[in-house]
Amino acid sequence: MKRLLYLIFLLSTAFIVLIGCDKEQTPKSEGPVLAEIDGGVVTEGDFLKEIERVPEWARNQFQDEEGKKKFLDELVKRELIYQHAIQMKLDNDSDYLSKVEDFKKMTLVSIVLKKEVEEKAALSDAEVKAFFDQNADKFTVGTKIRASHILVGTEQEAVDILDRLNKGEKFEKLAELSKDTGSAQKGGDLGYFARGQMVPEFEQAAASLKPGEVSKPVKTRFGFHVIKLVDIQKGEAANFEQSKESISKQLLGEKRKKVFETFVDKLKADIKITTHEDKIAAIALPWDQAAEPLQAEEPKAVEPEQK
C-alpha cells in the first residue's frame, strides 16, 4: 500500500516536470544516461534528484539493485506520460496554463519567504537552553488531559453557546448541538489524550485552561469549538534533551512569525491596498461543511509538553 502511495506521488510530480520544461529546450541533466525514451532521457542526475525526494518511510523499497531498477522504471513511466501530454498539446491547455501561473506564484512566494523569513529567523542552541533553564518546571513527559467540546460551524454559533453557558445551561446538555456526533452522545467528552493526538489549535487551547474552565471559540479546520478542560494527569519532569526539540519548534515558530509580520508590515507601508469586505459574506465556499473526526489520523510521537 505504501509503495502504491509513493508511486502515485512520483507520477504526480510529472506535472512539475512539465511546468519546468520549456517545450523548445531540453532540460539540463548531469551524469551518464540511464534510459532513453524516444527523444527524452533519464540521467544519473535525474535519478538522484528524484530519489532524494522519496519519503523516509518509502526508501527501503529502493535500497538494493532491484529497488533502483524499479525506481528507474517509474521515472521512465513518468517520462512516457510527459511525452504523451506534449503530443496531446496539453502544454497549451488553458487549465494547464492556469496551473502553471499558480505554480510560478507559489514558488516565488516560497523563495521570498525562505530568504526574508527562514534565513533571517535564526535560533541558537544557547537560546534554547536558556529558555529551558527559565521554564524547566513547565516541561513534562507523559502528561494527558481530558476535555469536552462542542463543535459548531460558525463563530457566531460558538458565541451563542458561550452565552447560554454563562446563563446557566449545562455544558453536557448543549453538547447535543455539537457537529461531532460521537462526543455529543457523551456530553462532549473526548476522554484523555496526549500531546500530538489532537489538531494543534485545539490542543493548545485545551492545555491553556484550568480544570473546569471553558475556552473562547477556537477555530480549527473542522469548525469552531467551545472547549471545557475536565482533568489533567501530569507526567514526570523532562530533562533538556527530552525537551529541546519541542522548545526549538516553539521558539523558531515565534521568531519566524515576528519576522514575517515585520516583513509584511513593511510591504504594506509602501503599497496601497483596498479590500471589499462587504462582498466576502456572499462567497459560497466550495467544500462540504460536514463534520470530520477531530482526532489526528496518525498521532505523532509524544513530545515533552509544557504544563
Protein backbone atom coordinates (compact mmCIF):
# COMPACT_ATOMS: atom_id res chain seq x y z
CA MET A 1 0.00 0.00 0.00
CA LYS A 2 2.78 2.40 0.91
CA ARG A 3 4.59 1.60 -2.32
CA LEU A 4 1.40 2.39 -4.26
CA LEU A 5 1.04 5.69 -2.42
CA TYR A 6 4.60 6.63 -3.24
CA LEU A 7 4.26 5.70 -6.91
CA ILE A 8 1.19 7.95 -7.12
CA PHE A 9 3.28 10.72 -5.54
CA LEU A 10 6.10 10.12 -8.04
CA LEU A 11 3.79 10.23 -11.05
CA SER A 12 2.10 13.35 -9.74
CA THR A 13 5.43 15.18 -9.94
CA ALA A 14 5.23 14.79 -13.70
CA PHE A 15 3.14 17.96 -13.64
CA ILE A 16 6.04 19.82 -12.04
CA VAL A 17 8.39 18.43 -14.67
CA LEU A 18 6.00 19.61 -17.37
CA ILE A 19 5.95 23.10 -15.88
CA GLY A 20 9.71 23.27 -15.59
CA CYS A 21 10.43 22.20 -19.17
CA ASP A 22 10.33 24.73 -21.98
CA LYS A 23 8.96 22.85 -24.97
CA GLU A 24 11.67 24.37 -27.18
CA GLN A 25 14.53 23.47 -24.87
CA THR A 26 15.92 20.26 -23.38
CA PRO A 27 16.32 20.47 -19.58
CA LYS A 28 19.90 20.21 -18.40
CA SER A 29 20.77 16.79 -16.94
CA GLU A 30 24.02 15.51 -15.47
CA GLY A 31 25.81 12.19 -15.45
CA PRO A 32 25.54 9.11 -17.65
CA VAL A 33 22.28 8.28 -19.41
CA LEU A 34 20.31 5.54 -17.62
CA ALA A 35 17.40 5.31 -20.05
CA GLU A 36 16.36 6.70 -23.42
CA ILE A 37 12.69 7.24 -24.21
CA ASP A 38 12.21 8.41 -27.79
CA GLY A 39 13.66 11.95 -27.69
CA GLY A 40 13.92 12.10 -23.90
CA VAL A 41 16.46 10.71 -21.48
CA VAL A 42 16.78 9.88 -17.79
CA THR A 43 20.28 10.54 -16.47
CA GLU A 44 22.02 9.71 -13.23
CA GLY A 45 21.46 13.32 -12.20
CA ASP A 46 17.72 12.98 -12.80
CA PHE A 47 17.67 9.70 -10.86
CA LEU A 48 19.49 11.15 -7.83
CA LYS A 49 17.42 14.34 -7.80
CA GLU A 50 14.16 12.39 -7.77
CA ILE A 51 15.19 9.65 -5.36
CA GLU A 52 16.26 12.32 -2.87
CA ARG A 53 12.60 13.33 -2.67
CA VAL A 54 11.50 9.86 -1.60
CA PRO A 55 9.80 9.99 1.83
CA GLU A 56 11.78 8.24 4.56
CA TRP A 57 9.11 5.56 5.00
CA ALA A 58 9.48 4.50 1.35
CA ARG A 59 13.26 4.45 0.98
CA ASN A 60 13.81 0.80 1.90
CA GLN A 61 11.97 -0.23 -1.27
CA PHE A 62 14.68 1.30 -3.47
CA GLN A 63 17.77 0.47 -1.40
CA ASP A 64 19.14 -2.54 -3.36
CA GLU A 65 19.83 -3.02 -7.07
CA GLU A 66 16.35 -4.39 -7.73
CA GLY A 67 14.83 -1.40 -5.99
CA LYS A 68 16.92 1.03 -8.05
CA LYS A 69 15.70 -0.68 -11.23
CA LYS A 70 12.09 -0.30 -10.05
CA PHE A 71 12.66 3.37 -9.33
CA LEU A 72 14.19 3.92 -12.78
CA ASP A 73 11.16 2.17 -14.30
CA GLU A 74 8.89 4.66 -12.55
CA LEU A 75 10.93 7.55 -13.97
CA VAL A 76 10.59 6.02 -17.43
CA LYS A 77 6.81 5.77 -16.95
CA ARG A 78 6.69 9.41 -15.91
CA GLU A 79 8.68 10.44 -18.99
CA LEU A 80 6.30 8.44 -21.19
CA ILE A 81 3.30 10.20 -19.67
CA TYR A 82 5.04 13.57 -20.06
CA GLN A 83 5.78 12.95 -23.74
CA HIS A 84 2.19 11.83 -24.31
CA ALA A 85 0.95 15.04 -22.70
CA ILE A 86 3.11 17.07 -25.09
CA GLN A 87 1.79 15.08 -28.07
CA MET A 88 -1.74 15.90 -26.89
CA LYS A 89 -0.66 19.57 -26.81
CA LEU A 90 -1.75 19.80 -23.18
CA ASP A 91 1.07 22.30 -22.64
CA ASN A 92 -1.26 24.77 -24.46
CA ASP A 93 -4.33 23.75 -22.48
CA SER A 94 -5.95 26.64 -20.59
CA ASP A 95 -6.29 24.61 -17.40
CA TYR A 96 -2.59 23.68 -17.57
CA LEU A 97 -1.51 27.28 -18.25
CA SER A 98 -3.60 28.46 -15.30
CA LYS A 99 -1.92 25.90 -13.04
CA VAL A 100 1.49 26.98 -14.36
CA GLU A 101 0.77 30.55 -13.28
CA ASP A 102 -0.39 29.34 -9.85
CA PHE A 103 2.76 27.23 -9.54
CA LYS A 104 5.00 30.17 -10.52
CA LYS A 105 3.30 32.45 -8.00
CA MET A 106 3.51 29.98 -5.12
CA THR A 107 7.12 29.10 -5.94
CA LEU A 108 8.17 32.76 -5.96
CA VAL A 109 6.32 33.35 -2.68
CA SER A 110 8.08 30.32 -1.19
CA ILE A 111 11.51 31.57 -2.32
CA VAL A 112 10.88 35.05 -0.91
CA LEU A 113 9.72 33.63 2.44
CA LYS A 114 12.82 31.44 2.62
CA LYS A 115 15.09 34.44 2.06
CA GLU A 116 13.18 37.03 4.09
CA VAL A 117 11.83 34.88 6.94
CA GLU A 118 13.50 31.48 7.36
CA GLU A 119 17.06 32.69 6.76
CA LYS A 120 16.59 35.76 8.98
CA ALA A 121 14.94 33.95 11.91
CA ALA A 122 17.95 32.00 13.15
CA LEU A 123 17.84 30.25 16.54
CA SER A 124 20.93 29.43 18.58
CA ASP A 125 21.44 26.46 20.93
CA ALA A 126 22.11 28.97 23.70
CA GLU A 127 18.64 30.48 23.29
CA VAL A 128 17.03 27.05 23.51
CA LYS A 129 19.00 26.15 26.65
CA ALA A 130 18.23 29.49 28.29
CA PHE A 131 14.51 29.02 27.68
CA PHE A 132 14.60 25.54 29.22
CA ASP A 133 16.52 26.78 32.29
CA GLN A 134 13.95 29.51 32.86
CA ASN A 135 10.96 27.19 32.35
CA ALA A 136 12.22 23.75 33.41
CA ASP A 137 9.26 23.23 35.74
CA LYS A 138 6.85 23.53 32.81
CA PHE A 139 8.18 20.56 30.83
CA THR A 140 6.89 17.05 31.49
CA VAL A 141 6.74 13.68 29.76
CA GLY A 142 3.53 11.66 29.64
CA THR A 143 1.04 14.34 30.65
CA LYS A 144 -2.52 13.68 29.48
CA ILE A 145 -5.52 15.94 29.56
CA ARG A 146 -9.24 15.19 29.44
CA ALA A 147 -11.50 17.65 27.67
CA SER A 148 -15.01 18.03 26.38
CA HIS A 149 -16.04 20.16 23.42
CA ILE A 150 -18.95 21.43 21.38
CA LEU A 151 -18.20 21.73 17.67
CA VAL A 152 -20.25 24.14 15.52
CA GLY A 153 -19.94 25.55 12.01
CA THR A 154 -19.58 29.29 12.65
CA GLU A 155 -18.02 31.59 15.21
CA GLN A 156 -21.39 33.17 15.95
CA GLU A 157 -22.82 29.75 16.85
CA ALA A 158 -19.90 29.24 19.25
CA VAL A 159 -20.52 32.68 20.82
CA ASP A 160 -24.19 31.79 21.26
CA ILE A 161 -23.18 28.56 23.02
CA LEU A 162 -20.96 30.53 25.40
CA ASP A 163 -23.82 32.97 26.13
CA ARG A 164 -26.08 30.07 27.05
CA LEU A 165 -23.40 28.58 29.29
CA ASN A 166 -22.97 31.92 31.05
CA LYS A 167 -26.71 31.99 31.65
CA GLY A 168 -26.52 28.67 33.50
CA GLU A 169 -27.24 25.99 30.89
CA LYS A 170 -25.29 22.76 31.30
CA PHE A 171 -22.32 22.06 29.03
CA GLU A 172 -23.31 18.40 28.70
CA LYS A 173 -26.82 19.34 27.52
CA LEU A 174 -25.58 21.91 25.00
CA ALA A 175 -23.12 19.32 23.67
CA GLU A 176 -26.12 17.67 22.00
CA LEU A 177 -25.87 20.51 19.45
CA SER A 178 -22.31 19.52 18.50
CA LYS A 179 -21.45 18.51 14.92
CA ASP A 180 -19.12 15.89 16.45
CA THR A 181 -21.89 13.36 16.94
CA GLY A 182 -19.60 10.81 18.61
CA SER A 183 -18.70 13.01 21.56
CA ALA A 184 -22.12 14.73 21.57
CA GLN A 185 -23.67 11.49 22.84
CA LYS A 186 -21.25 11.60 25.80
CA GLY A 187 -21.84 15.20 26.81
CA GLY A 188 -18.97 16.36 24.61
CA ASP A 189 -16.41 14.18 26.41
CA LEU A 190 -13.31 13.30 24.35
CA GLY A 191 -11.60 11.32 27.08
CA TYR A 192 -7.88 11.60 27.87
CA PHE A 193 -5.39 12.42 25.14
CA ALA A 194 -1.66 13.14 24.99
CA ARG A 195 0.32 15.75 23.11
CA GLY A 196 0.11 15.33 19.35
CA GLN A 197 -3.18 13.43 19.27
CA MET A 198 -5.40 16.44 18.53
CA VAL A 199 -5.08 19.20 15.95
CA PRO A 200 -2.62 21.87 17.26
CA GLU A 201 -5.11 24.73 17.72
CA PHE A 202 -7.43 22.55 19.79
CA GLU A 203 -4.60 21.07 21.82
CA GLN A 204 -3.03 24.43 22.64
CA ALA A 205 -6.35 25.92 23.69
CA ALA A 206 -7.22 22.96 25.91
CA ALA A 207 -3.76 22.94 27.51
CA SER A 208 -4.07 26.63 28.41
CA LEU A 209 -7.17 26.03 30.55
CA LYS A 210 -7.53 25.02 34.17
CA PRO A 211 -9.87 22.14 35.11
CA GLY A 212 -13.45 23.35 34.89
CA GLU A 213 -12.63 26.34 32.66
CA VAL A 214 -14.28 26.86 29.28
CA SER A 215 -12.49 28.38 26.30
CA LYS A 216 -13.48 31.16 23.96
CA PRO A 217 -14.34 29.96 20.42
CA VAL A 218 -11.39 28.04 18.96
CA LYS A 219 -11.13 27.78 15.19
CA THR A 220 -9.71 24.64 13.55
CA ARG A 221 -10.14 23.10 10.10
CA PHE A 222 -13.21 21.30 11.47
CA GLY A 223 -15.11 24.40 12.55
CA PHE A 224 -15.39 26.32 15.84
CA HIS A 225 -15.01 24.63 19.22
CA VAL A 226 -16.09 25.54 22.71
CA ILE A 227 -13.72 23.53 24.92
CA LYS A 228 -14.03 22.57 28.57
CA LEU A 229 -11.00 21.16 30.38
CA VAL A 230 -12.08 18.33 32.65
CA ASP A 231 -8.87 16.95 34.17
CA ILE A 232 -5.07 16.83 33.90
CA GLN A 233 -2.92 13.76 34.51
CA LYS A 234 0.56 15.18 34.98
CA GLY A 235 3.57 13.22 33.81
CA GLU A 236 7.18 13.21 35.01
CA ALA A 237 9.60 16.14 34.76
CA ALA A 238 11.53 16.17 31.46
CA ASN A 239 15.25 16.89 31.07
CA PHE A 240 16.77 19.23 28.49
CA GLU A 241 17.50 16.51 25.94
CA GLN A 242 13.87 15.41 26.05
CA SER A 243 12.63 18.98 25.76
CA LYS A 244 14.96 20.76 23.33
CA GLU A 245 13.22 19.67 20.14
CA SER A 246 9.82 20.96 21.20
CA ILE A 247 11.41 24.15 22.58
CA SER A 248 13.23 24.74 19.30
CA LYS A 249 10.00 24.32 17.34
CA GLN A 250 8.19 26.74 19.62
CA LEU A 251 10.89 29.45 19.66
CA LEU A 252 11.61 29.15 15.95
CA GLY A 253 7.91 29.41 15.18
CA GLU A 254 7.64 32.55 17.34
CA LYS A 255 10.70 34.11 15.70
CA ARG A 256 9.50 33.37 12.19
CA LYS A 257 6.06 34.77 12.99
CA LYS A 258 7.59 38.00 14.25
CA VAL A 259 9.97 38.34 11.28
CA PHE A 260 7.12 37.54 8.87
CA GLU A 261 4.79 40.13 10.38
CA THR A 262 7.53 42.80 10.28
CA PHE A 263 8.28 41.94 6.66
CA VAL A 264 4.61 42.10 5.60
CA ASP A 265 4.03 45.37 7.52
CA LYS A 266 6.95 46.90 5.63
CA LEU A 267 5.46 45.80 2.30
CA LYS A 268 2.03 47.15 3.25
CA ALA A 269 3.52 50.55 4.14
CA ASP A 270 4.70 51.01 0.55
CA ILE A 271 1.61 49.66 -1.27
CA LYS A 272 -1.98 50.88 -1.42
CA ILE A 273 -4.36 48.01 -0.58
CA THR A 274 -8.13 48.15 -0.95
CA THR A 275 -10.34 45.30 0.29
CA HIS A 276 -14.11 44.98 -0.15
CA GLU A 277 -15.13 43.13 3.00
CA ASP A 278 -18.83 43.66 2.32
CA LYS A 279 -18.60 41.15 -0.54
CA ILE A 280 -16.98 38.36 1.47
CA ALA A 281 -20.17 37.15 3.16
CA ALA A 282 -21.76 36.30 -0.20
CA ILE A 283 -18.94 33.95 -1.23
CA ALA A 284 -20.08 30.30 -1.39
CA LEU A 285 -17.33 28.04 -0.08
CA PRO A 286 -16.54 25.04 -2.30
CA TRP A 287 -16.12 22.35 0.31
CA ASP A 288 -18.62 20.37 2.31
CA GLN A 289 -19.06 21.64 5.88
CA ALA A 290 -19.84 18.15 7.20
CA ALA A 291 -18.14 17.32 10.47
CA GLU A 292 -14.89 15.34 10.33
CA PRO A 293 -13.12 13.33 13.03
CA LEU A 294 -11.35 15.66 15.42
CA GLN A 295 -8.53 13.27 16.26
CA ALA A 296 -5.48 13.31 14.01
CA GLU A 297 -5.34 10.41 11.54
CA GLU A 298 -1.90 9.27 12.69
CA PRO A 299 -0.99 10.59 16.17
CA LYS A 300 2.56 11.87 16.31
CA ALA A 301 5.14 10.69 18.78
CA VAL A 302 4.50 12.26 22.17
CA GLU A 303 6.91 15.13 22.87
CA PRO A 304 7.64 16.74 26.24
CA GLU A 305 4.94 19.29 26.82
CA GLN A 306 4.58 22.47 28.85
CA LYS A 307 2.24 22.29 31.74
